[in-house]
Structures are given as structure tokens and as C-alpha cells.
Amino acid sequence: MRADVFERATAQLTRVCGEPRDLISLWRESTEILARAVPHYWTPCFYTLDPASLLMTSHYHRGLAEIPADWLVSEYYADDVNQLAAVARSAAGIATLHEATGGEPARSPRWHRNMTMGGDQELIARLRTRSGEVWGALGLYREPRTPLFSADEKNFVRAVAPLLAEAARTALLLGQARQPDVADAPGLLVLDRNCAVESTTPGVARRLAELPDGDWAAGRLPSSVLALVGRTLRAAEHPDRGDLVTVARVLSRTGTWIVLHGAPLTSTGELRIAVIIERADCIRCSCRPTA
């Protein structure tokens, strides 16, 4: 019976994570699905992390406006177990506070902090894409006198973590590309599967003009964009074979490096490709966390 629950939840998360949405909507919809698959106290904690430093960059917990400041500082300052960065760097990528303390969670300062909110158990899982970039973390909690997180539940969370990671990365990239007023913001180009342009954000023409062998005025896309679209289409049709977000680095006409991100969009039922174009000096492009 539990296997059926995990299978349905995986299918639902695959659908949600494969559609374009903002980060908050992603977390909200994922919350409902996770609750049915892995019972937990209150609601999950979702974090975004900087892939290079593994520092927390945002937090979402429905019903909790903000984490107390001392909690945030202690996450990276105090000596403790089950911290986000440590779990993100670990071989397993998932850990519980009970395991980390040998069954004596009261030895951990974070357990005492969690208990003030009613949470006895804590499960932390990294959200890492198939390409190896950690874009976030997930925290699940259980109140006292409830069963420990089972091996099957942890295996399920580990299996869907890459889906959530890729969706979070796409949401962050699309969110920034849709803010053209931000200085040097990325450009967003949406194409159908035949490479016809459906929509763009301001500044895309300037970005495309920096790429070799294209001619935006004549309606000719650069070869690097077309190649990216082809790879992204294939990734969308075979999501089990690798990363849904494809990346290409291109030397521009001016000698600087440009990074292209391709992501499939399926909200209308018709597959489309979002191409995000940005300068390569952004650390989000290729950095991996250090050991």
C-alpha cells in the first residue's frame, strides 16, 4: 500500500516540477503532495541554497513568517549535527537528527530549538540536481511519540529530491529573467518545439546579438540557442536520463562568456522551451559546493 502512495506522489511531483511556476507556488504544491506520502508535523521547511557556498538564501514554511535570527546564525556558526550544509555535502544527502545523535537527540542544540516549535524528529534532505548542483534543502519534522522516519520514507524523499532541485533552479532562473528592471538581468526567450519565438523579455535582442552567427533582425537564432533547444527537447522527452535543465557556455562576439540555460515548459499541455541568457560571471552558472 505504501508503495502505491509513493508512486502516486512521485508522479504528482514529476508533473508539478515539470511545469513553470514561481518558487512559492512550487513549494506550496509540493507541500500538499509530500504530506500525503510522508506524514509529518505541521508543514515542511523548504530552503534555497547558494550552490557555491551552500549558504541559505531563502526559506519557506507555510504558517511561519520567518525563522528567528539566532536560528539562522547558529545554522552556520554553532557546532551541531544535521546542519543543512553538512547534509548537502554528505554522501547520502539525507539524515535525521535521531540518527545523527545516536538516538539521543537531546544532545543537540537544534533539537531544543525544534522542540520549542513542537518538533521532536527532524529529517533534512539536500535538493541536488542530476548534474550535481545543490539548490536547496528540505526539512520534515515529527512531534514526540510518533514513529521514526522509515527507510522507505527516506528513500522516497531521496528519489524525488532531484525533481525539487531542478524545479527550484528553474523557478529562480525564470524569476530573475522576468525582472528586466534589475541591472544586467538575464534575458528570457520562450520557443515552441519548432523554434518559433512565442515571447521574450526586454533586452533579449541585445543578449542574442552578443552570440555568434545569429541575426535577430532577420529572424535567425544563433546556432548555440538552436543546439540548446534540441538538447532540452530530448531531455524533456527522456527525463529519467539526466538533468531537465541544460546548460551551454558560449564565447560572445566581444570575448566575454555567456551562459544559456534551457528548461522545458509544459503548463499549456504543449511543450515549450525557455532559454535564459545571462553573463557567465554569475556564480549560479556552474559552481559546485566545496567539500
Protein backbone atom coordinates (compact mmCIF):
# COMPACT_ATOMS: atom_id res chain seq x y z
CA MET A 1 0.00 0.00 0.00
CA ARG A 2 2.76 2.46 0.89
CA ALA A 3 4.50 1.70 -2.41
CA ASP A 4 1.35 2.87 -4.23
CA VAL A 5 1.35 6.09 -2.20
CA PHE A 6 4.99 6.78 -3.05
CA GLU A 7 4.38 6.01 -6.73
CA ARG A 8 1.42 8.40 -6.94
CA ALA A 9 3.31 11.12 -5.09
CA THR A 10 6.31 10.75 -7.39
CA ALA A 11 4.07 11.07 -10.45
CA GLN A 12 2.40 14.17 -8.98
CA LEU A 13 5.71 15.81 -8.12
CA THR A 14 7.05 15.00 -11.58
CA ARG A 15 4.09 16.89 -13.07
CA VAL A 16 4.35 19.85 -10.68
CA CYS A 17 8.11 20.16 -11.08
CA GLY A 18 7.88 19.94 -14.86
CA GLU A 19 5.63 22.99 -15.16
CA PRO A 20 6.82 26.60 -14.99
CA ARG A 21 5.88 28.29 -11.75
CA ASP A 22 7.30 30.71 -9.25
CA LEU A 23 9.19 29.38 -6.24
CA ILE A 24 6.41 29.94 -3.69
CA SER A 25 3.85 28.14 -5.86
CA LEU A 26 6.30 25.26 -6.27
CA TRP A 27 6.76 24.91 -2.53
CA ARG A 28 3.02 25.22 -1.84
CA GLU A 29 2.03 22.50 -4.27
CA SER A 30 4.88 20.24 -3.20
CA THR A 31 3.79 20.63 0.43
CA GLU A 32 0.42 19.00 -0.23
CA ILE A 33 1.96 16.07 -2.10
CA LEU A 34 4.67 15.42 0.49
CA ALA A 35 2.11 15.42 3.29
CA ARG A 36 0.27 12.53 1.69
CA ALA A 37 3.43 10.48 1.12
CA VAL A 38 5.42 11.17 4.29
CA PRO A 39 3.26 12.17 7.28
CA HIS A 40 4.91 14.92 9.29
CA TYR A 41 4.28 17.64 11.83
CA TRP A 42 2.89 20.98 10.62
CA THR A 43 4.40 21.71 7.18
CA PRO A 44 7.81 21.19 5.52
CA CYS A 45 10.63 23.71 5.64
CA PHE A 46 11.97 24.48 2.16
CA TYR A 47 15.28 26.25 1.76
CA THR A 48 17.14 27.57 -1.25
CA LEU A 49 20.93 27.34 -1.01
CA ASP A 50 23.68 29.02 -2.98
CA PRO A 51 25.28 26.15 -4.96
CA ALA A 52 28.78 27.52 -4.42
CA SER A 53 28.78 28.29 -0.69
CA LEU A 54 25.75 26.26 0.47
CA LEU A 55 24.58 29.32 2.38
CA MET A 56 20.82 29.57 2.82
CA THR A 57 19.34 32.22 0.53
CA SER A 58 15.62 31.86 1.29
CA HIS A 59 13.21 29.91 3.46
CA TYR A 60 9.57 28.89 3.07
CA HIS A 61 7.45 27.35 5.80
CA ARG A 62 3.70 27.81 5.45
CA GLY A 63 2.42 29.49 8.57
CA LEU A 64 5.85 30.69 9.74
CA ALA A 65 6.70 34.18 8.53
CA GLU A 66 10.38 33.98 9.38
CA ILE A 67 12.97 31.90 11.18
CA PRO A 68 14.29 33.52 14.37
CA ALA A 69 17.54 35.36 13.67
CA ASP A 70 19.54 33.35 16.20
CA TRP A 71 18.48 30.11 14.48
CA LEU A 72 19.81 31.34 11.16
CA VAL A 73 23.13 32.42 12.64
CA SER A 74 23.57 29.19 14.62
CA GLU A 75 22.95 27.11 11.48
CA TYR A 76 26.33 28.26 10.17
CA TYR A 77 28.11 29.31 13.36
CA ALA A 78 27.38 26.74 16.07
CA ASP A 79 28.89 23.28 16.39
CA ASP A 80 25.99 20.91 15.85
CA VAL A 81 24.75 17.97 13.81
CA ASN A 82 22.27 17.71 10.93
CA GLN A 83 23.07 21.17 9.63
CA LEU A 84 21.98 21.99 6.08
CA ALA A 85 25.46 22.39 4.59
CA ALA A 86 26.75 19.22 6.24
CA VAL A 87 23.86 17.14 4.92
CA ALA A 88 24.25 18.72 1.48
CA ARG A 89 27.91 17.65 1.40
CA SER A 90 27.30 14.17 2.77
CA ALA A 91 27.42 11.02 0.68
CA ALA A 92 23.81 10.11 1.47
CA GLY A 93 22.35 13.60 1.09
CA ILE A 94 19.74 12.85 3.73
CA ALA A 95 19.88 12.45 7.52
CA THR A 96 17.71 12.52 10.60
CA LEU A 97 18.54 14.14 13.91
CA HIS A 98 17.92 10.89 15.74
CA GLU A 99 20.47 9.09 13.55
CA ALA A 100 23.00 11.90 13.82
CA THR A 101 22.87 11.79 17.64
CA GLY A 102 22.82 8.02 18.01
CA GLY A 103 19.24 8.08 19.22
CA GLU A 104 19.85 10.83 21.78
CA PRO A 105 18.57 13.99 20.06
CA ALA A 106 18.52 15.98 23.30
CA ARG A 107 22.33 16.21 22.98
CA SER A 108 21.83 18.58 20.03
CA PRO A 109 21.10 22.30 20.48
CA ARG A 110 18.94 22.21 17.34
CA TRP A 111 16.68 19.59 18.95
CA HIS A 112 15.94 22.01 21.79
CA ARG A 113 15.18 24.75 19.28
CA ASN A 114 12.93 22.43 17.29
CA MET A 115 11.06 21.38 20.43
CA THR A 116 10.07 25.00 21.08
CA MET A 117 8.07 24.69 17.84
CA GLY A 118 6.74 21.22 18.70
CA GLY A 119 9.10 19.19 16.53
CA ASP A 120 10.89 16.23 18.09
CA GLN A 121 12.17 14.47 14.96
CA GLU A 122 13.95 16.22 12.10
CA LEU A 123 14.77 14.93 8.62
CA ILE A 124 16.98 17.05 6.35
CA ALA A 125 17.42 16.20 2.66
CA ARG A 126 19.50 18.06 0.11
CA LEU A 127 17.92 19.14 -3.16
CA ARG A 128 20.62 18.37 -5.70
CA THR A 129 20.15 18.25 -9.47
CA ARG A 130 21.34 15.31 -11.51
CA SER A 131 24.24 17.48 -12.68
CA GLY A 132 25.43 17.80 -9.08
CA GLU A 133 24.38 21.34 -8.06
CA VAL A 134 22.70 21.75 -4.67
CA TRP A 135 19.95 24.35 -4.97
CA GLY A 136 18.13 23.77 -1.73
CA ALA A 137 17.20 21.57 1.19
CA LEU A 138 14.02 20.10 2.62
CA GLY A 139 13.25 19.73 6.31
CA LEU A 140 10.49 17.45 7.65
CA TYR A 141 9.54 17.16 11.31
CA ARG A 142 7.51 14.90 13.58
CA GLU A 143 6.12 15.56 17.01
CA PRO A 144 7.02 13.48 20.11
CA ARG A 145 5.75 9.90 20.44
CA THR A 146 5.36 9.33 16.71
CA PRO A 147 7.12 6.66 14.59
CA LEU A 148 10.60 7.44 13.35
CA PHE A 149 11.02 8.24 9.67
CA SER A 150 11.23 4.86 7.97
CA ALA A 151 13.79 3.67 5.43
CA ASP A 152 11.08 3.62 2.74
CA GLU A 153 10.10 7.21 3.52
CA LYS A 154 13.71 8.36 3.36
CA ASN A 155 14.22 6.52 0.08
CA PHE A 156 11.17 8.26 -1.36
CA VAL A 157 12.42 11.70 -0.29
CA ARG A 158 15.87 10.95 -1.71
CA ALA A 159 14.30 9.85 -5.01
CA VAL A 160 12.19 13.00 -5.51
CA ALA A 161 14.84 15.45 -4.27
CA PRO A 162 16.36 15.93 -7.77
CA LEU A 163 12.91 16.82 -9.13
CA LEU A 164 12.51 19.54 -6.50
CA ALA A 165 16.07 20.76 -7.07
CA GLU A 166 15.61 21.15 -10.82
CA ALA A 167 12.24 22.86 -10.36
CA ALA A 168 13.71 25.27 -7.80
CA ARG A 169 16.59 26.15 -10.12
CA THR A 170 14.19 26.77 -13.00
CA ALA A 171 11.92 28.90 -10.80
CA LEU A 172 14.87 31.02 -9.66
CA LEU A 173 16.20 31.47 -13.20
CA LEU A 174 12.81 32.32 -14.64
CA GLY A 175 12.09 34.66 -11.75
CA GLN A 176 15.24 36.66 -12.37
CA ALA A 177 14.75 36.70 -16.13
CA ARG A 178 11.27 38.15 -15.66
CA GLN A 179 12.68 41.17 -13.80
CA PRO A 180 14.04 43.29 -16.65
CA ASP A 181 14.40 46.33 -14.42
CA VAL A 182 17.18 44.62 -12.48
CA ALA A 183 20.58 45.81 -13.66
CA ASP A 184 22.11 43.32 -16.07
CA ALA A 185 19.19 40.89 -15.62
CA PRO A 186 19.17 37.73 -17.75
CA GLY A 187 17.03 37.60 -20.87
CA LEU A 188 14.20 35.10 -21.29
CA LEU A 189 13.23 33.65 -24.66
CA VAL A 190 10.31 31.20 -24.96
CA LEU A 191 10.18 28.99 -28.07
CA ASP A 192 7.81 26.30 -29.26
CA ARG A 193 9.17 22.90 -30.23
CA ASN A 194 9.62 24.15 -33.81
CA CYS A 195 11.84 27.01 -32.56
CA ALA A 196 9.26 29.68 -33.29
CA VAL A 197 9.54 32.57 -30.81
CA GLU A 198 6.48 32.88 -28.54
CA SER A 199 7.62 35.57 -26.12
CA THR A 200 10.66 37.45 -24.86
CA THR A 201 11.62 39.79 -22.07
CA PRO A 202 13.10 43.24 -22.75
CA GLY A 203 16.78 43.08 -23.55
CA VAL A 204 16.75 39.67 -25.24
CA ALA A 205 17.68 41.15 -28.62
CA ARG A 206 20.77 42.72 -27.08
CA ARG A 207 21.74 39.44 -25.44
CA LEU A 208 21.21 37.44 -28.63
CA ALA A 209 23.26 39.94 -30.62
CA GLU A 210 26.25 39.07 -28.43
CA LEU A 211 26.15 35.43 -29.59
CA PRO A 212 27.96 34.30 -32.75
CA ASP A 213 26.23 33.62 -36.11
CA GLY A 214 22.73 34.79 -35.27
CA ASP A 215 20.70 37.60 -36.77
CA TRP A 216 17.73 38.58 -34.60
CA ALA A 217 16.54 41.23 -37.04
CA ALA A 218 16.36 38.62 -39.80
CA GLY A 219 14.71 36.08 -37.52
CA ARG A 220 17.74 33.75 -37.38
CA LEU A 221 18.59 32.37 -33.96
CA PRO A 222 22.23 31.64 -33.06
CA SER A 223 23.33 28.06 -33.53
CA SER A 224 24.10 27.77 -29.83
CA VAL A 225 20.46 28.53 -28.97
CA LEU A 226 19.14 26.02 -31.51
CA ALA A 227 21.51 23.33 -30.23
CA LEU A 228 20.38 24.06 -26.67
CA VAL A 229 16.74 23.73 -27.71
CA GLY A 230 17.43 20.35 -29.29
CA ARG A 231 19.18 19.06 -26.17
CA THR A 232 16.40 20.40 -23.93
CA LEU A 233 13.68 18.81 -26.05
CA ARG A 234 15.43 15.47 -25.76
CA ALA A 235 15.89 15.88 -22.02
CA ALA A 236 12.18 16.67 -21.64
CA GLU A 237 11.21 13.53 -23.54
CA HIS A 238 13.61 11.37 -21.52
CA PRO A 239 13.56 12.87 -18.00
CA ASP A 240 14.99 9.69 -16.50
CA ARG A 241 18.26 10.05 -18.42
CA GLY A 242 19.62 13.23 -16.94
CA ASP A 243 19.15 16.86 -15.99
CA LEU A 244 15.99 18.59 -17.25
CA VAL A 245 17.80 21.94 -17.33
CA THR A 246 20.52 22.06 -19.97
CA VAL A 247 23.42 24.49 -19.95
CA ALA A 248 25.78 25.83 -22.63
CA ARG A 249 28.62 28.31 -22.32
CA VAL A 250 29.32 30.43 -25.38
CA LEU A 251 32.11 32.88 -26.13
CA SER A 252 30.43 36.11 -27.23
CA ARG A 253 31.40 38.38 -30.10
CA THR A 254 33.04 40.71 -27.57
CA GLY A 255 35.16 37.98 -25.99
CA THR A 256 33.11 37.50 -22.81
CA TRP A 257 31.39 34.26 -21.83
CA ILE A 258 27.62 33.90 -22.00
CA VAL A 259 25.67 31.11 -20.31
CA LEU A 260 22.49 29.69 -21.82
CA HIS A 261 20.04 27.67 -19.73
CA GLY A 262 17.30 25.63 -21.42
CA ALA A 263 14.26 24.41 -19.48
CA PRO A 264 11.08 22.67 -20.70
CA LEU A 265 7.72 24.34 -20.07
CA THR A 266 4.50 22.31 -20.23
CA SER A 267 1.82 24.35 -18.44
CA THR A 268 -0.41 24.64 -21.53
CA GLY A 269 -0.07 20.98 -22.47
CA GLU A 270 2.19 21.91 -25.39
CA LEU A 271 5.91 21.53 -24.81
CA ARG A 272 7.79 24.81 -25.00
CA ILE A 273 11.38 25.70 -24.21
CA ALA A 274 12.52 28.59 -22.04
CA VAL A 275 16.00 29.84 -22.85
CA ILE A 276 17.61 32.03 -20.21
CA ILE A 277 20.60 34.07 -21.40
CA GLU A 278 22.99 35.59 -18.86
CA ARG A 279 26.58 36.62 -18.36
CA ALA A 280 28.90 33.90 -17.10
CA ASP A 281 30.18 35.92 -14.16
CA CYS A 282 27.13 34.79 -12.15
CA ILE A 283 28.17 32.05 -9.71
CA ARG A 284 24.91 30.20 -10.29
CA CYS A 285 26.11 29.04 -13.68
CA SER A 286 28.49 26.24 -12.87
CA CYS A 287 29.85 26.31 -9.37
CA ARG A 288 29.75 23.22 -7.21
CA PRO A 289 29.95 23.19 -3.41
CA THR A 290 33.38 22.61 -1.98
CA ALA A 291 33.98 19.59 0.23
